[in-house]
Amino acid sequence: MSRAFVKEEDEEFASYREDSSHDKKTLEWLRIQEKKLDFLLNDPKGKAIEPAKRDKWIQEARAAIASVQDAAQG
């Protein structure tokens, strides 16, 4: 095919696509962390996990959520 009919991406558009993809992945990861935290706090199976391990996971999930929210604001 002739290159005359092929639209090549410019750097700005390629950068936008990369940023958009990163944002989607970050939002999906954030939803997973929020779901994990909800499970640990509210689900009977989550509450049945060994308390020390459960508390550690809760702290990790909260820290992860906070870091993403801070990054989004700043």
C-alpha atoms as a PDB file:
ATOM      1  CA  MET A   1       0.000   0.000   0.000  1.00  0.00           C
ATOM      2  CA  SER A   2       1.194   3.460  -0.788  1.00  0.00           C
ATOM      3  CA  ARG A   3       2.375   5.542   2.148  1.00  0.00           C
ATOM      4  CA  ALA A   4       0.217   8.371   0.785  1.00  0.00           C
ATOM      5  CA  PHE A   5      -2.829   6.763   2.376  1.00  0.00           C
ATOM      6  CA  VAL A   6      -1.226   5.807   5.676  1.00  0.00           C
ATOM      7  CA  LYS A   7      -1.625   8.310   8.444  1.00  0.00           C
ATOM      8  CA  GLU A   8       1.357   8.243  10.727  1.00  0.00           C
ATOM      9  CA  GLU A   9       0.963   9.211  14.345  1.00  0.00           C
ATOM     10  CA  ASP A  10       2.676  12.331  15.466  1.00  0.00           C
ATOM     11  CA  GLU A  11       4.522  12.372  18.786  1.00  0.00           C
ATOM     12  CA  GLU A  12       1.805  14.336  20.570  1.00  0.00           C
ATOM     13  CA  PHE A  13      -0.923  11.842  19.633  1.00  0.00           C
ATOM     14  CA  ALA A  14       1.273   8.880  20.553  1.00  0.00           C
ATOM     15  CA  SER A  15       1.985  10.476  23.920  1.00  0.00           C
ATOM     16  CA  TYR A  16      -1.737  11.066  24.467  1.00  0.00           C
ATOM     17  CA  ARG A  17      -2.516   7.403  23.708  1.00  0.00           C
ATOM     18  CA  GLU A  18       0.176   6.265  26.126  1.00  0.00           C
ATOM     19  CA  ASP A  19      -1.093   8.581  28.891  1.00  0.00           C
ATOM     20  CA  SER A  20      -4.663   7.465  28.287  1.00  0.00           C
ATOM     21  CA  SER A  21      -3.690   3.807  28.506  1.00  0.00           C
ATOM     22  CA  HIS A  22      -1.765   4.438  31.721  1.00  0.00           C
ATOM     23  CA  ASP A  23      -4.746   6.272  33.227  1.00  0.00           C
ATOM     24  CA  LYS A  24      -7.098   3.391  32.388  1.00  0.00           C
ATOM     25  CA  LYS A  25      -4.736   0.861  33.973  1.00  0.00           C
ATOM     26  CA  THR A  26      -4.350   3.034  37.068  1.00  0.00           C
ATOM     27  CA  LEU A  27      -8.113   3.396  37.472  1.00  0.00           C
ATOM     28  CA  GLU A  28      -8.611  -0.350  37.095  1.00  0.00           C
ATOM     29  CA  TRP A  29      -5.902  -1.010  39.687  1.00  0.00           C
ATOM     30  CA  LEU A  30      -7.544   1.517  42.024  1.00  0.00           C
ATOM     31  CA  ARG A  31     -10.918  -0.235  41.661  1.00  0.00           C
ATOM     32  CA  ILE A  32      -9.274  -3.546  42.515  1.00  0.00           C
ATOM     33  CA  GLN A  33      -7.664  -2.059  45.618  1.00  0.00           C
ATOM     34  CA  GLU A  34     -10.977  -0.536  46.732  1.00  0.00           C
ATOM     35  CA  LYS A  35     -12.734  -3.869  46.178  1.00  0.00           C
ATOM     36  CA  LYS A  36     -10.003  -5.656  48.158  1.00  0.00           C
ATOM     37  CA  LEU A  37     -10.369  -3.169  51.033  1.00  0.00           C
ATOM     38  CA  ASP A  38     -14.140  -3.577  51.035  1.00  0.00           C
ATOM     39  CA  PHE A  39     -13.737  -7.363  51.159  1.00  0.00           C
ATOM     40  CA  LEU A  40     -11.340  -7.165  54.086  1.00  0.00           C
ATOM     41  CA  LEU A  41     -13.546  -4.761  56.031  1.00  0.00           C
ATOM     42  CA  ASN A  42     -17.049  -6.056  55.310  1.00  0.00           C
ATOM     43  CA  ASP A  43     -17.082  -9.623  54.021  1.00  0.00           C
ATOM     44  CA  PRO A  44     -17.351 -12.422  56.613  1.00  0.00           C
ATOM     45  CA  LYS A  45     -14.671 -14.369  54.740  1.00  0.00           C
ATOM     46  CA  GLY A  46     -12.423 -11.317  54.857  1.00  0.00           C
ATOM     47  CA  LYS A  47     -12.988 -10.939  58.570  1.00  0.00           C
ATOM     48  CA  ALA A  48     -12.060 -14.600  59.076  1.00  0.00           C
ATOM     49  CA  ILE A  49      -8.493 -14.005  57.850  1.00  0.00           C
ATOM     50  CA  GLU A  50      -5.792 -14.118  60.501  1.00  0.00           C
ATOM     51  CA  PRO A  51      -6.020 -10.709  62.263  1.00  0.00           C
ATOM     52  CA  ALA A  52      -2.357  -9.727  61.869  1.00  0.00           C
ATOM     53  CA  LYS A  53      -2.349 -10.564  58.149  1.00  0.00           C
ATOM     54  CA  ARG A  54      -5.735  -8.903  57.642  1.00  0.00           C
ATOM     55  CA  ASP A  55      -4.602  -5.690  59.384  1.00  0.00           C
ATOM     56  CA  LYS A  56      -1.434  -5.603  57.268  1.00  0.00           C
ATOM     57  CA  TRP A  57      -3.426  -6.012  54.061  1.00  0.00           C
ATOM     58  CA  ILE A  58      -5.889  -3.312  55.132  1.00  0.00           C
ATOM     59  CA  GLN A  59      -3.032  -0.880  55.771  1.00  0.00           C
ATOM     60  CA  GLU A  60      -1.421  -1.728  52.436  1.00  0.00           C
ATOM     61  CA  ALA A  61      -4.673  -1.275  50.532  1.00  0.00           C
ATOM     62  CA  ARG A  62      -5.389   2.063  52.233  1.00  0.00           C
ATOM     63  CA  ALA A  63      -1.866   3.291  51.509  1.00  0.00           C
ATOM     64  CA  ALA A  64      -2.142   2.233  47.865  1.00  0.00           C
ATOM     65  CA  ILE A  65      -5.490   3.980  47.459  1.00  0.00           C
ATOM     66  CA  ALA A  66      -4.166   7.132  49.131  1.00  0.00           C
ATOM     67  CA  SER A  67      -1.066   7.213  46.911  1.00  0.00           C
ATOM     68  CA  VAL A  68      -3.153   7.050  43.742  1.00  0.00           C
ATOM     69  CA  GLN A  69      -5.542   9.730  45.005  1.00  0.00           C
ATOM     70  CA  ASP A  70      -2.632  11.983  46.010  1.00  0.00           C
ATOM     71  CA  ALA A  71      -1.016  11.531  42.593  1.00  0.00           C
ATOM     72  CA  ALA A  72      -4.292  12.411  40.893  1.00  0.00           C
ATOM     73  CA  GLN A  73      -4.607  15.639  42.896  1.00  0.00           C
ATOM     74  CA  GLY A  74      -1.043  16.757  42.636  1.00  0.00           C
END
